[in-house]
Protein backbone atom coordinates (compact mmCIF):
# COMPACT_ATOMS: atom_id res chain seq x y z
CA MET A 1 225.51 65.15 100.66
CA PRO A 2 227.73 65.27 103.98
CA ARG A 3 225.60 65.55 107.02
CA GLY A 4 226.75 69.03 107.82
CA ALA A 5 225.77 70.27 104.48
CA ALA A 6 222.41 68.56 104.74
CA ALA A 7 221.86 69.82 108.33
CA SER A 8 222.23 73.50 107.22
CA ARG A 9 219.02 73.06 105.27
CA ARG A 10 217.11 70.40 107.30
CA PRO A 11 217.15 71.20 111.04
CA ASP A 12 215.95 67.46 111.88
CA LEU A 13 219.51 66.40 110.82
CA GLN A 14 221.64 68.90 112.88
CA ALA A 15 221.63 66.66 116.03
CA SER A 16 222.83 63.76 113.98
CA ALA A 17 225.47 66.08 112.15
CA ARG A 18 226.54 67.18 115.69
CA VAL A 19 227.00 63.70 117.07
CA TRP A 20 228.92 62.66 113.83
CA SER A 21 231.42 65.63 114.21
CA GLN A 22 231.75 65.36 118.10
CA GLY A 23 232.21 61.67 117.86
CA LEU A 24 234.94 61.78 115.19
CA ALA A 25 236.82 64.52 117.10
CA GLU A 26 236.59 62.32 120.41
CA VAL A 27 238.06 59.42 118.61
CA LEU A 28 240.95 61.48 117.10
CA ALA A 29 241.74 63.68 120.07
CA PRO A 30 243.76 61.12 122.20
CA ARG A 31 246.12 60.43 119.14
CA ILE A 32 246.39 64.12 117.75
CA GLY A 33 245.07 66.45 120.36
CA PRO A 34 241.59 68.19 120.52
CA GLN A 35 242.47 71.15 118.41
CA ALA A 36 243.80 68.96 115.61
CA ALA A 37 240.99 66.95 115.81
CA ARG A 38 238.59 69.54 115.47
CA ALA A 39 240.52 70.75 112.51
CA VAL A 40 240.58 67.46 110.91
CA THR A 41 236.69 66.97 111.50
CA THR A 42 236.14 70.27 109.57
CA PHE A 43 238.52 69.45 106.90
CA ILE A 44 236.93 66.32 106.28
CA ASP A 45 233.53 67.71 105.99
CA GLY A 46 234.71 70.22 103.65
CA ALA A 47 236.35 67.72 101.56
CA LEU A 48 233.37 65.47 101.36
CA LEU A 49 231.30 68.43 100.36
CA HIS A 50 233.87 69.42 97.63
CA ALA A 51 233.76 66.03 96.25
CA LEU A 52 230.18 66.16 95.85
CA VAL A 53 230.35 69.71 94.10
CA ASP A 54 233.08 68.33 91.70
CA GLY A 55 231.19 65.07 91.07
CA ARG A 56 234.40 62.79 91.74
CA PRO A 57 236.34 61.30 94.66
CA PRO A 58 238.97 63.56 96.27
CA ASP A 59 242.42 62.92 95.49
CA THR A 60 243.95 60.66 98.16
CA THR A 61 247.55 62.11 98.00
CA GLU A 62 246.19 65.63 98.44
CA LEU A 63 244.01 64.43 101.31
CA ALA A 64 246.91 62.81 102.96
CA ALA A 65 249.20 65.83 102.61
CA ALA A 66 246.46 68.08 103.91
CA LEU A 67 245.63 65.76 106.93
CA ALA A 68 249.41 65.59 107.72
CA ALA A 69 249.63 69.38 107.66
CA LEU A 70 246.80 69.57 110.09
CA THR A 71 247.94 66.91 112.30
CA GLY A 72 251.53 67.39 112.58
CA PRO A 73 253.53 64.46 114.14
CA PRO A 74 251.73 61.80 116.12
CA LEU A 75 251.62 62.49 120.03
CA GLU A 76 253.84 60.48 122.08
CA PRO A 77 252.05 58.15 124.63
CA HIS A 78 252.33 60.49 127.40
CA ASP A 79 251.12 63.33 125.32
CA GLN A 80 247.93 61.12 124.42
CA GLU A 81 247.25 60.60 128.04
CA GLN A 82 247.36 64.28 128.67
CA ALA A 83 245.20 65.24 125.64
CA ALA A 84 242.63 62.65 126.81
CA GLN A 85 242.63 64.14 130.20
CA ARG A 86 241.74 67.56 128.74
CA ARG A 87 238.58 66.27 126.96
């Protein structure tokens, strides 16, 4: 079960789930911007939960298309610096 889903029922896991989500968003933000990073983090959590409910791994083509839609084109180096400064 993804940490976020488990944390919804187990308060002792909430801090760990927040660290995971925030850490992933921090890693992604310099490349895609903070708003897209939060969207990707939320999407990944949902995709993992969906895979658990379906009992099968997610389709990588569908995942790639969804991530591309969420992130848009990669940020140019100058834009990456500005995104990092906004954090």
